Amino acid sequence: MAVSSRDALAGRVRGMSKAQRAVLLELDRRGLRLPTRSEMVKRAKRRQTASGRDENGNFYDWRHYCPHEPTEKQAAFLALEGREALFGGAAGGGKSDALLMAALQYVHIPGYAAIIFRRTYADLSKPGALLERAHAWLDGTAAKWIDETKTFRFPSGATISFGYLDCEKDKLNHQGAEYQFVGFDELTQFPEKWYRYLFSRLRRLKGSKIPIRMRGATNPGGVGHNWVMGRFPILTEEADAGRKSVGERGRVFIPSKLEDNPHLDTEEYEESLAELDTVTRTQLRRGDWRISSGGTVFKREWFAGRFNPSDLPKLATLRQWDLAGTEPGPTNTDPDFTRGLKSAYDPGKKILYILDLKSARKTAGAVRDLVVATAWEDGKTCPVRVEQEGGSSGKYVVEDLVGALLGFDAKGVSVSGKGGKLLRARPASAQAEAGKILLPEGAAWVSEFIDEMEAFDGSENGGSHDDIVDTLSATVDFWATKRRHTAASW
């Protein structure tokens, strides 16, 4: 259908992104055009009665809520009925659309409930993002928007909600909820334990044949890059060839790239990606999961060694603490953690065994209680060391803790005069590279430990947490100092 007016075209172009303008102008050049939003609403209304049923009283198929047909890769994703699947792996592959389509698949079934997460509310609500797209698809249809809960309710009673997990505490907002579909847009922006927690919210309706589904869509990169790459069959011959890949426990990865999405202008998108750094551009354009900007001080493969704690001989131990005293809140949604690293050192084998990691984001009083309780748990033969911040307040906190640990070998340790974070981390980095630091088999915190190690770039005020790095640095320094007067030194 030819464009009737150049003025009308110019009006539609205003307010669009560069990529959106390019698509619209290219369609105009070919004598084609996309329907306007009002036209899409009119079409949806023609397809639906006020009740959302056809003349036979049946609910409409979910495709009536979608303004375009799925791409070949999206159709393959929608056909999956297994519990867990990942879509995408490169920019422009239609990831968000695929998630929204998947969430819509069973909205004609009474009682069906779906939710899709982004990491922050800003990610969810920014122009062109998932929430705006859902409104473009569903406004004017029989689906009703409930702003208080960010939920669309369908004539069947089914719902699709939109949420965010800005901090660990947010996952608890979904305690007691029951979903048949949970989706994560940009999965690599989430920690693994948040993702795994939402499996507890997946419940099948009694007598229902609706599959319960956990679905993710993402590009490479981000804080969760490594755990996502390890959980899904991404590094396979099938995935490299652009085909569906099936891995452990039936987990499926369907790669989709810019070339797989006919709805985008490839040339325009290429120009935008060309502005990015080499690592990010390669991740987004080619869907390359092997290239990484992490691992500048610690590398993931350095922590491949494992041990069975029950096989260890009796060794001297240490509990090293790095304290913080802030809970997540409106003004600080992602504060530092309090970390308590327990270790044992074998001077004969020159191996450092990491036994346990305590983590908390609590008030100062709750942190004090945690340190004391852990000391009694470890026993009086395990020394307690606490990193002492500079200034009188840091000294007071440590003195208060030492006083509460009467009868224990408890001391504050100042890092003043020992250089910056990078310099203090170098001895630990050297031991890890030599394979001298081992982690316990099956511990739930191991993946978080390794993720933080790899993300650490040595900066004093980097964008990622480094509390575990600080405790490991201090731990290595403790054992090095303790062994310095003997031949069995580091």
Protein backbone atom coordinates (compact mmCIF):
# COMPACT_ATOMS: atom_id res chain seq x y z
CA MET A 1 0.00 0.00 0.00
CA ALA A 2 1.56 3.33 -1.07
CA VAL A 3 2.11 6.08 1.48
CA SER A 4 -0.63 8.62 0.98
CA SER A 5 1.17 11.67 2.34
CA ARG A 6 4.79 12.66 2.85
CA ASP A 7 3.64 14.94 5.67
CA ALA A 8 2.04 11.96 7.41
CA LEU A 9 5.29 10.02 7.05
CA ALA A 10 7.28 12.90 8.52
CA GLY A 11 4.88 13.03 11.44
CA ARG A 12 5.39 9.34 12.18
CA VAL A 13 9.20 9.66 11.95
CA ARG A 14 9.33 12.32 14.67
CA GLY A 15 10.09 10.79 18.07
CA MET A 16 11.38 7.52 16.65
CA SER A 17 14.83 6.05 17.24
CA LYS A 18 17.38 6.11 14.44
CA ALA A 19 16.85 2.40 13.73
CA GLN A 20 13.05 2.79 13.70
CA ARG A 21 13.28 5.74 11.30
CA ALA A 22 15.48 3.73 8.96
CA VAL A 23 12.98 0.85 8.86
CA LEU A 24 10.05 3.17 8.14
CA LEU A 25 11.90 5.11 5.42
CA GLU A 26 13.06 1.91 3.74
CA LEU A 27 9.50 0.60 3.64
CA ASP A 28 8.39 3.90 2.15
CA ARG A 29 11.09 3.64 -0.52
CA ARG A 30 9.72 0.26 -1.49
CA GLY A 31 6.15 1.55 -1.64
CA LEU A 32 5.20 -0.19 1.59
CA ARG A 33 4.38 0.98 5.07
CA LEU A 34 3.77 -0.23 8.59
CA PRO A 35 0.26 0.28 10.01
CA THR A 36 -0.13 3.19 12.40
CA ARG A 37 -0.88 2.46 16.03
CA SER A 38 -4.51 3.59 15.59
CA GLU A 39 -4.85 1.25 12.62
CA MET A 40 -3.44 -1.62 14.68
CA VAL A 41 -5.97 -0.91 17.43
CA LYS A 42 -8.84 -0.82 14.91
CA ARG A 43 -7.72 -4.15 13.46
CA ALA A 44 -7.52 -5.69 16.91
CA LYS A 45 -11.02 -4.47 17.73
CA ARG A 46 -12.35 -5.93 14.50
CA ARG A 47 -10.87 -9.28 15.50
CA GLN A 48 -12.32 -9.17 18.98
CA THR A 49 -15.66 -8.46 20.58
CA ALA A 50 -15.81 -6.62 23.88
CA SER A 51 -15.67 -9.94 25.73
CA GLY A 52 -12.65 -11.21 23.80
CA ARG A 53 -14.62 -14.14 22.29
CA ASP A 54 -15.60 -14.95 18.74
CA GLU A 55 -19.14 -15.63 17.56
CA ASN A 56 -18.89 -19.21 18.85
CA GLY A 57 -17.94 -18.09 22.35
CA ASN A 58 -14.30 -19.23 22.06
CA PHE A 59 -11.38 -17.16 23.28
CA TYR A 60 -9.17 -15.84 20.52
CA ASP A 61 -5.80 -17.37 19.76
CA TRP A 62 -2.84 -15.51 21.30
CA ARG A 63 -1.65 -14.48 17.82
CA HIS A 64 -4.47 -11.95 17.66
CA TYR A 65 -2.61 -9.94 20.30
CA CYS A 66 0.63 -9.92 18.28
CA PRO A 67 1.02 -7.38 15.44
CA HIS A 68 3.36 -9.55 13.33
CA GLU A 69 4.16 -13.16 12.59
CA PRO A 70 7.00 -14.83 14.53
CA THR A 71 10.31 -15.20 12.73
CA GLU A 72 11.54 -18.73 12.06
CA LYS A 73 13.71 -18.69 15.18
CA GLN A 74 10.95 -17.20 17.31
CA ALA A 75 8.53 -19.88 16.07
CA ALA A 76 11.01 -22.58 17.13
CA PHE A 77 11.25 -20.96 20.57
CA LEU A 78 7.47 -20.83 20.91
CA ALA A 79 7.15 -24.50 19.97
CA LEU A 80 9.22 -25.61 22.99
CA GLU A 81 7.34 -27.20 25.88
CA GLY A 82 10.30 -28.08 28.10
CA ARG A 83 10.81 -26.39 31.43
CA GLU A 84 13.86 -24.25 30.63
CA ALA A 85 15.05 -22.48 27.47
CA LEU A 86 17.17 -19.52 26.38
CA PHE A 87 16.70 -17.41 23.23
CA GLY A 88 18.98 -15.00 21.44
CA GLY A 89 22.64 -14.51 22.09
CA ALA A 90 23.11 -11.51 19.80
CA ALA A 91 21.65 -8.04 19.31
CA GLY A 92 18.72 -7.57 16.96
CA GLY A 93 17.54 -11.19 17.04
CA GLY A 94 14.02 -10.39 18.29
CA LYS A 95 14.56 -11.46 21.90
CA SER A 96 12.04 -9.24 23.68
CA ASP A 97 9.34 -10.00 21.11
CA ALA A 98 10.00 -13.73 21.53
CA LEU A 99 9.54 -13.47 25.32
CA LEU A 100 6.34 -11.48 25.02
CA MET A 101 4.93 -13.92 22.45
CA ALA A 102 5.82 -16.86 24.70
CA ALA A 103 4.09 -15.23 27.68
CA LEU A 104 0.95 -14.68 25.55
CA GLN A 105 0.65 -18.28 24.37
CA TYR A 106 -1.80 -19.43 27.02
CA VAL A 107 -3.72 -16.27 27.90
CA HIS A 108 -6.95 -17.91 26.66
CA ILE A 109 -6.74 -20.42 29.55
CA PRO A 110 -8.51 -19.36 32.79
CA GLY A 111 -6.13 -18.96 35.71
CA TYR A 112 -2.94 -18.81 33.63
CA ALA A 113 -0.35 -16.42 35.10
CA ALA A 114 2.89 -15.19 33.54
CA ILE A 115 5.54 -12.67 34.60
CA ILE A 116 8.51 -11.14 32.78
CA PHE A 117 11.43 -9.54 34.62
CA ARG A 118 14.01 -6.90 33.80
CA ARG A 119 16.82 -6.04 36.19
CA THR A 120 15.57 -2.51 37.05
CA TYR A 121 12.34 -0.59 36.65
CA ALA A 122 14.18 1.85 34.36
CA ASP A 123 15.13 -1.07 32.07
CA LEU A 124 11.52 -2.22 32.06
CA SER A 125 9.87 1.14 31.35
CA LYS A 126 12.26 3.06 29.10
CA PRO A 127 11.04 4.01 25.58
CA GLY A 128 10.96 1.05 23.23
CA ALA A 129 11.51 -1.45 26.05
CA LEU A 130 9.38 -4.40 27.05
CA LEU A 131 6.58 -2.56 28.87
CA GLU A 132 6.03 0.00 26.11
CA ARG A 133 6.02 -2.81 23.55
CA ALA A 134 3.39 -4.71 25.53
CA HIS A 135 1.19 -1.60 25.59
CA ALA A 136 1.61 -1.16 21.83
CA TRP A 137 0.44 -4.74 21.32
CA LEU A 138 -2.34 -4.93 23.90
CA ASP A 139 -3.85 -1.46 24.36
CA GLY A 140 -7.21 -1.36 22.61
CA THR A 141 -7.71 -5.12 22.85
CA ALA A 142 -9.84 -7.02 25.33
CA ALA A 143 -6.84 -7.14 27.71
CA LYS A 144 -7.19 -4.67 30.60
CA TRP A 145 -4.19 -2.88 32.12
CA ILE A 146 -3.88 -2.70 35.93
CA ASP A 147 -1.26 -0.04 36.63
CA GLU A 148 -0.90 -0.73 40.36
CA THR A 149 0.46 -4.22 39.75
CA LYS A 150 1.84 -3.65 36.21
CA THR A 151 -0.43 -6.42 34.96
CA PHE A 152 -2.55 -7.11 31.87
CA ARG A 153 -5.67 -9.14 32.66
CA PHE A 154 -7.32 -11.03 29.81
CA PRO A 155 -11.00 -11.98 29.38
CA SER A 156 -10.23 -15.54 30.48
CA GLY A 157 -8.89 -14.23 33.79
CA ALA A 158 -5.30 -14.98 32.72
CA THR A 159 -2.63 -12.39 33.56
CA ILE A 160 0.76 -11.22 32.33
CA SER A 161 2.71 -9.13 34.85
CA PHE A 162 5.94 -7.17 34.51
CA GLY A 163 8.46 -6.90 37.32
CA TYR A 164 12.05 -6.10 38.18
CA LEU A 165 14.69 -7.46 40.55
CA ASP A 166 16.86 -4.50 41.46
CA CYS A 167 18.32 -6.18 44.54
CA GLU A 168 18.23 -9.60 46.17
CA LYS A 169 15.44 -8.57 48.51
CA ASP A 170 13.11 -7.95 45.53
CA LYS A 171 12.82 -11.66 44.79
CA LEU A 172 11.00 -12.07 48.11
CA ASN A 173 8.18 -9.89 46.76
CA HIS A 174 7.09 -12.99 44.86
CA GLN A 175 6.85 -15.34 47.83
CA GLY A 176 3.53 -17.12 47.63
CA ALA A 177 3.01 -16.23 43.97
CA GLU A 178 2.28 -18.97 41.44
CA TYR A 179 3.22 -18.63 37.79
CA GLN A 180 3.12 -20.99 34.85
CA PHE A 181 5.54 -18.79 32.90
CA VAL A 182 8.53 -16.83 34.21
CA GLY A 183 10.59 -14.85 31.70
CA PHE A 184 13.89 -12.96 32.11
CA ASP A 185 14.74 -10.31 29.54
CA GLU A 186 18.55 -9.85 29.36
CA LEU A 187 19.22 -12.82 31.64
CA THR A 188 22.97 -12.12 31.92
CA GLN A 189 22.14 -9.02 34.00
CA PHE A 190 20.88 -11.23 36.86
CA PRO A 191 22.78 -13.28 39.46
CA GLU A 192 22.16 -17.02 39.14
CA LYS A 193 20.66 -17.45 42.60
CA TRP A 194 17.90 -14.92 41.84
CA TYR A 195 17.06 -16.81 38.67
CA ARG A 196 17.04 -20.16 40.45
CA TYR A 197 14.85 -18.82 43.25
CA LEU A 198 12.03 -18.06 40.77
CA PHE A 199 11.79 -21.77 39.93
CA SER A 200 10.05 -22.09 43.30
CA ARG A 201 7.25 -19.88 41.95
CA LEU A 202 6.56 -22.13 38.93
CA ARG A 203 3.43 -24.16 39.67
CA ARG A 204 1.19 -26.16 37.36
CA LEU A 205 -2.55 -25.57 37.69
CA LYS A 206 -4.34 -28.65 39.01
CA GLY A 207 -5.59 -30.72 36.10
CA SER A 208 -4.02 -28.32 33.60
CA LYS A 209 -2.01 -29.34 30.58
CA ILE A 210 -0.26 -25.98 30.37
CA PRO A 211 3.50 -26.56 30.55
CA ILE A 212 5.36 -24.68 33.26
CA ARG A 213 8.09 -22.69 31.57
CA MET A 214 11.18 -20.74 32.58
CA ARG A 215 12.35 -18.67 29.61
CA GLY A 216 15.29 -16.34 29.18
CA ALA A 217 16.45 -14.02 26.43
CA THR A 218 19.82 -12.32 26.43
CA ASN A 219 22.98 -11.11 24.78
CA PRO A 220 26.46 -12.17 25.94
CA GLY A 221 28.19 -9.99 28.53
CA GLY A 222 26.97 -8.69 31.88
CA VAL A 223 27.50 -9.90 35.43
CA GLY A 224 25.80 -13.22 34.70
CA HIS A 225 27.67 -13.99 31.47
CA ASN A 226 29.55 -16.97 32.85
CA TRP A 227 26.79 -18.71 34.76
CA VAL A 228 24.40 -18.39 31.81
CA MET A 229 27.05 -19.75 29.46
CA GLY A 230 27.66 -22.65 31.85
CA ARG A 231 23.99 -23.46 32.41
CA PHE A 232 22.81 -23.51 28.79
CA PRO A 233 24.24 -25.43 25.76
CA ILE A 234 25.70 -22.31 24.14
CA LEU A 235 29.22 -23.50 23.25
CA THR A 236 28.15 -26.37 20.99
CA GLU A 237 28.53 -27.18 17.31
CA GLU A 238 24.77 -26.83 16.84
CA ALA A 239 24.67 -23.37 18.42
CA ASP A 240 27.74 -22.26 16.45
CA ALA A 241 25.88 -23.29 13.29
CA GLY A 242 22.83 -21.29 14.35
CA ARG A 243 20.72 -24.32 15.22
CA LYS A 244 18.78 -25.35 18.32
CA SER A 245 21.04 -26.91 20.94
CA VAL A 246 19.85 -29.22 23.73
CA GLY A 247 21.95 -29.67 26.86
CA GLU A 248 21.86 -30.99 30.40
CA ARG A 249 18.39 -31.61 31.89
CA GLY A 250 16.78 -30.80 28.56
CA ARG A 251 17.80 -27.13 28.66
CA VAL A 252 17.50 -25.61 25.19
CA PHE A 253 19.35 -22.73 23.55
CA ILE A 254 18.02 -21.22 20.32
CA PRO A 255 20.51 -18.74 18.83
CA SER A 256 19.11 -15.78 16.95
CA LYS A 257 21.08 -13.00 15.32
CA LEU A 258 20.40 -9.86 13.34
CA GLU A 259 20.13 -11.85 10.12
CA ASP A 260 17.33 -13.93 11.62
CA ASN A 261 15.09 -10.89 12.18
CA PRO A 262 13.57 -9.50 8.96
CA HIS A 263 11.84 -6.71 10.90
CA LEU A 264 15.11 -4.77 11.44
CA ASP A 265 17.25 -2.76 9.03
CA THR A 266 20.56 -4.64 9.13
CA GLU A 267 22.70 -1.86 7.65
CA GLU A 268 21.40 0.78 10.08
CA TYR A 269 21.91 -1.54 13.05
CA GLU A 270 25.45 -2.32 11.92
CA GLU A 271 26.28 1.39 11.99
CA SER A 272 25.04 1.68 15.57
CA LEU A 273 27.06 -1.36 16.72
CA ALA A 274 30.19 0.04 15.06
CA GLU A 275 30.36 2.71 17.78
CA LEU A 276 30.94 0.09 20.51
CA ASP A 277 34.22 -1.27 21.84
CA THR A 278 35.58 -4.43 20.21
CA VAL A 279 34.54 -6.85 22.95
CA THR A 280 30.97 -5.55 23.26
CA ARG A 281 30.55 -5.24 19.49
CA THR A 282 31.70 -8.82 18.94
CA GLN A 283 29.39 -10.10 21.67
CA LEU A 284 26.36 -8.25 20.34
CA ARG A 285 26.89 -8.60 16.59
CA ARG A 286 28.20 -12.15 16.35
CA GLY A 287 26.74 -13.52 19.55
CA ASP A 288 30.27 -14.47 20.63
CA TRP A 289 30.18 -15.86 24.16
CA ARG A 290 33.86 -16.84 24.17
CA ILE A 291 35.18 -13.30 24.10
CA SER A 292 35.09 -11.60 27.49
CA SER A 293 36.23 -8.33 29.03
CA GLY A 294 36.56 -9.97 32.47
CA GLY A 295 39.41 -11.91 34.01
CA THR A 296 42.06 -9.18 34.08
CA VAL A 297 43.25 -10.07 37.63
CA PHE A 298 41.63 -13.46 38.31
CA LYS A 299 40.57 -15.93 35.65
CA ARG A 300 37.70 -18.38 36.01
CA GLU A 301 39.78 -21.41 35.08
CA TRP A 302 42.18 -20.72 37.96
CA PHE A 303 39.43 -21.80 40.37
CA ALA A 304 38.61 -25.11 38.70
CA GLY A 305 40.13 -27.18 41.52
CA ARG A 306 37.72 -28.77 44.02
CA PHE A 307 38.05 -30.75 47.23
CA ASN A 308 35.78 -32.83 49.44
CA PRO A 309 35.73 -31.19 52.91
CA SER A 310 35.29 -34.59 54.58
CA ASP A 311 38.64 -35.72 53.13
CA LEU A 312 40.68 -32.91 54.66
CA PRO A 313 43.10 -33.67 57.50
CA LYS A 314 43.01 -31.55 60.65
CA LEU A 315 44.39 -28.15 59.59
CA ALA A 316 44.65 -24.69 61.10
CA THR A 317 41.78 -22.44 60.06
CA LEU A 318 40.92 -18.73 59.80
CA ARG A 319 37.71 -16.68 59.47
CA GLN A 320 38.41 -13.37 57.71
CA TRP A 321 35.74 -10.65 57.67
CA ASP A 322 35.15 -7.60 55.48
CA LEU A 323 32.32 -5.63 57.10
CA ALA A 324 29.52 -3.48 55.71
CA GLY A 325 26.49 -2.18 57.59
CA THR A 326 23.85 -1.18 55.06
CA GLU A 327 20.65 -2.86 53.96
CA PRO A 328 19.31 -2.34 50.41
CA GLY A 329 16.93 0.61 50.32
CA PRO A 330 15.44 3.29 48.05
CA THR A 331 18.59 5.43 48.13
CA ASN A 332 21.03 2.51 47.86
CA THR A 333 19.58 -0.52 46.12
CA ASP A 334 22.87 -2.39 45.79
CA PRO A 335 25.10 -1.78 48.84
CA ASP A 336 28.27 -3.65 49.69
CA PHE A 337 28.10 -7.06 51.32
CA THR A 338 29.50 -8.21 54.63
CA ARG A 339 31.65 -11.24 53.80
CA GLY A 340 33.19 -13.80 56.11
CA LEU A 341 35.62 -16.20 54.40
CA LYS A 342 36.74 -19.33 56.27
CA SER A 343 39.90 -21.07 55.10
CA ALA A 344 42.38 -23.77 56.01
CA TYR A 345 46.03 -23.98 54.96
CA ASP A 346 48.10 -27.10 54.36
CA PRO A 347 51.79 -26.08 54.75
CA GLY A 348 53.04 -29.39 53.36
CA LYS A 349 51.10 -29.21 50.10
CA LYS A 350 51.06 -25.39 50.14
CA ILE A 351 47.34 -25.46 49.36
CA LEU A 352 44.77 -22.95 50.60
CA TYR A 353 41.33 -24.51 51.05
CA ILE A 354 38.32 -22.18 51.05
CA LEU A 355 35.87 -23.81 53.44
CA ASP A 356 32.94 -21.43 53.74
CA LEU A 357 31.61 -17.99 52.82
CA LYS A 358 29.13 -16.03 54.92
CA SER A 359 27.35 -13.15 53.15
CA ALA A 360 24.89 -10.54 54.41
CA ARG A 361 23.57 -7.06 53.71
CA LYS A 362 22.25 -6.06 57.10
CA THR A 363 22.39 -3.27 59.64
CA ALA A 364 25.50 -2.83 61.75
CA GLY A 365 23.84 -4.50 64.74
CA ALA A 366 22.75 -7.52 62.71
CA VAL A 367 26.24 -7.83 61.23
CA ARG A 368 27.73 -7.81 64.74
CA ASP A 369 25.39 -10.65 65.72
CA LEU A 370 26.36 -12.61 62.60
CA VAL A 371 30.09 -12.33 63.32
CA VAL A 372 29.63 -13.45 66.94
CA ALA A 373 27.34 -16.36 66.01
CA THR A 374 29.75 -17.50 63.31
CA ALA A 375 32.68 -17.42 65.74
CA TRP A 376 30.84 -19.80 68.07
CA GLU A 377 29.96 -21.98 65.08
CA ASP A 378 33.62 -22.15 63.98
CA GLY A 379 34.93 -22.74 67.50
CA LYS A 380 37.62 -21.06 69.58
CA THR A 381 40.46 -22.75 67.70
CA CYS A 382 39.59 -20.69 64.61
CA PRO A 383 41.11 -17.17 64.69
CA VAL A 384 38.86 -14.27 63.69
CA ARG A 385 40.27 -11.36 61.72
CA VAL A 386 38.32 -8.24 60.76
CA GLU A 387 39.47 -5.67 58.20
CA GLN A 388 39.64 -2.35 59.98
CA GLU A 389 38.60 0.72 58.01
CA GLY A 390 40.53 3.95 58.45
CA GLY A 391 39.40 6.56 60.95
CA SER A 392 38.00 6.43 64.45
CA SER A 393 34.68 4.85 63.41
CA GLY A 394 36.43 1.83 61.89
CA LYS A 395 38.52 1.43 65.03
CA TYR A 396 35.41 1.62 67.23
CA VAL A 397 33.56 -1.06 65.20
CA VAL A 398 36.47 -3.50 65.49
CA GLU A 399 37.02 -2.81 69.21
CA ASP A 400 33.32 -3.45 69.83
CA LEU A 401 33.49 -6.77 67.98
CA VAL A 402 36.66 -7.89 69.72
CA GLY A 403 35.03 -7.11 73.04
CA ALA A 404 32.02 -9.23 72.10
CA LEU A 405 34.35 -12.11 71.19
CA LEU A 406 35.95 -12.47 74.63
CA GLY A 407 37.84 -15.76 74.75
CA PHE A 408 38.45 -15.89 70.98
CA ASP A 409 41.60 -15.03 69.05
CA ALA A 410 39.91 -11.98 67.47
CA LYS A 411 41.77 -8.97 66.06
CA GLY A 412 41.30 -6.07 63.71
CA VAL A 413 43.65 -5.81 60.74
CA SER A 414 44.35 -2.46 59.12
CA VAL A 415 45.06 -2.34 55.39
CA SER A 416 46.65 1.08 55.72
CA GLY A 417 50.10 1.14 54.15
CA LYS A 418 49.51 -2.09 52.19
CA GLY A 419 48.66 -0.38 48.90
CA GLY A 420 45.45 -0.32 46.92
CA LYS A 421 43.06 -3.17 46.21
CA LEU A 422 44.96 -4.34 43.14
CA LEU A 423 48.32 -4.49 44.90
CA ARG A 424 46.79 -6.38 47.84
CA ALA A 425 45.09 -8.83 45.45
CA ARG A 426 48.26 -9.73 43.51
CA PRO A 427 49.51 -12.44 45.92
CA ALA A 428 46.09 -14.12 45.87
CA SER A 429 46.02 -13.86 42.08
CA ALA A 430 49.43 -15.56 41.86
CA GLN A 431 48.34 -18.42 44.12
CA ALA A 432 45.11 -18.91 42.18
CA GLU A 433 46.98 -19.00 38.86
CA ALA A 434 49.30 -21.65 40.30
CA GLY A 435 46.30 -23.80 41.25
CA LYS A 436 46.99 -23.39 44.97
CA ILE A 437 43.50 -22.19 45.96
CA LEU A 438 40.79 -24.86 46.01
CA LEU A 439 37.03 -24.56 46.50
CA PRO A 440 34.66 -27.10 48.10
CA GLU A 441 32.54 -29.44 46.01
CA GLY A 442 28.84 -28.60 45.86
CA ALA A 443 28.86 -25.35 47.88
CA ALA A 444 26.04 -23.02 46.78
CA TRP A 445 28.21 -19.90 46.99
CA VAL A 446 31.02 -21.09 44.68
CA SER A 447 29.57 -19.61 41.47
CA GLU A 448 29.12 -16.21 43.12
CA PHE A 449 32.70 -16.41 44.45
CA ILE A 450 34.12 -17.09 40.99
CA ASP A 451 31.93 -14.49 39.27
CA GLU A 452 33.22 -11.76 41.57
CA MET A 453 36.81 -12.89 41.19
CA GLU A 454 36.60 -12.71 37.41
CA ALA A 455 34.73 -9.38 37.38
CA PHE A 456 37.38 -7.68 39.55
CA ASP A 457 39.46 -5.27 37.45
CA GLY A 458 41.61 -3.83 40.21
CA SER A 459 39.95 -0.42 40.36
CA GLU A 460 39.20 1.18 43.70
CA ASN A 461 35.68 2.22 42.72
CA GLY A 462 34.72 -0.27 40.04
CA GLY A 463 31.20 -1.05 38.91
CA SER A 464 31.10 -4.48 40.54
CA HIS A 465 31.36 -5.70 44.12
CA ASP A 466 34.80 -6.70 45.40
CA ASP A 467 34.04 -7.72 49.00
CA ILE A 468 35.00 -11.37 48.39
CA VAL A 469 38.22 -10.24 46.68
CA ASP A 470 39.10 -8.18 49.76
CA THR A 471 38.55 -11.12 52.12
CA LEU A 472 40.62 -13.46 49.94
CA SER A 473 43.44 -10.90 49.72
CA ALA A 474 43.49 -10.55 53.50
CA THR A 475 43.30 -14.33 53.94
CA VAL A 476 46.36 -14.92 51.74
CA ASP A 477 48.21 -12.17 53.59
CA PHE A 478 47.39 -13.83 56.95
CA TRP A 479 48.75 -17.23 55.94
CA ALA A 480 51.79 -15.70 54.23
CA THR A 481 52.63 -13.78 57.39
CA LYS A 482 52.05 -16.81 59.59
CA ARG A 483 54.36 -18.99 57.51
CA ARG A 484 57.03 -16.41 56.75
CA HIS A 485 59.36 -17.52 59.54
CA THR A 486 59.43 -21.14 58.27
CA ALA A 487 60.69 -22.81 55.11
CA ALA A 488 57.12 -23.64 54.09
CA SER A 489 56.45 -20.16 52.80
CA TRP A 490 54.28 -19.13 49.88
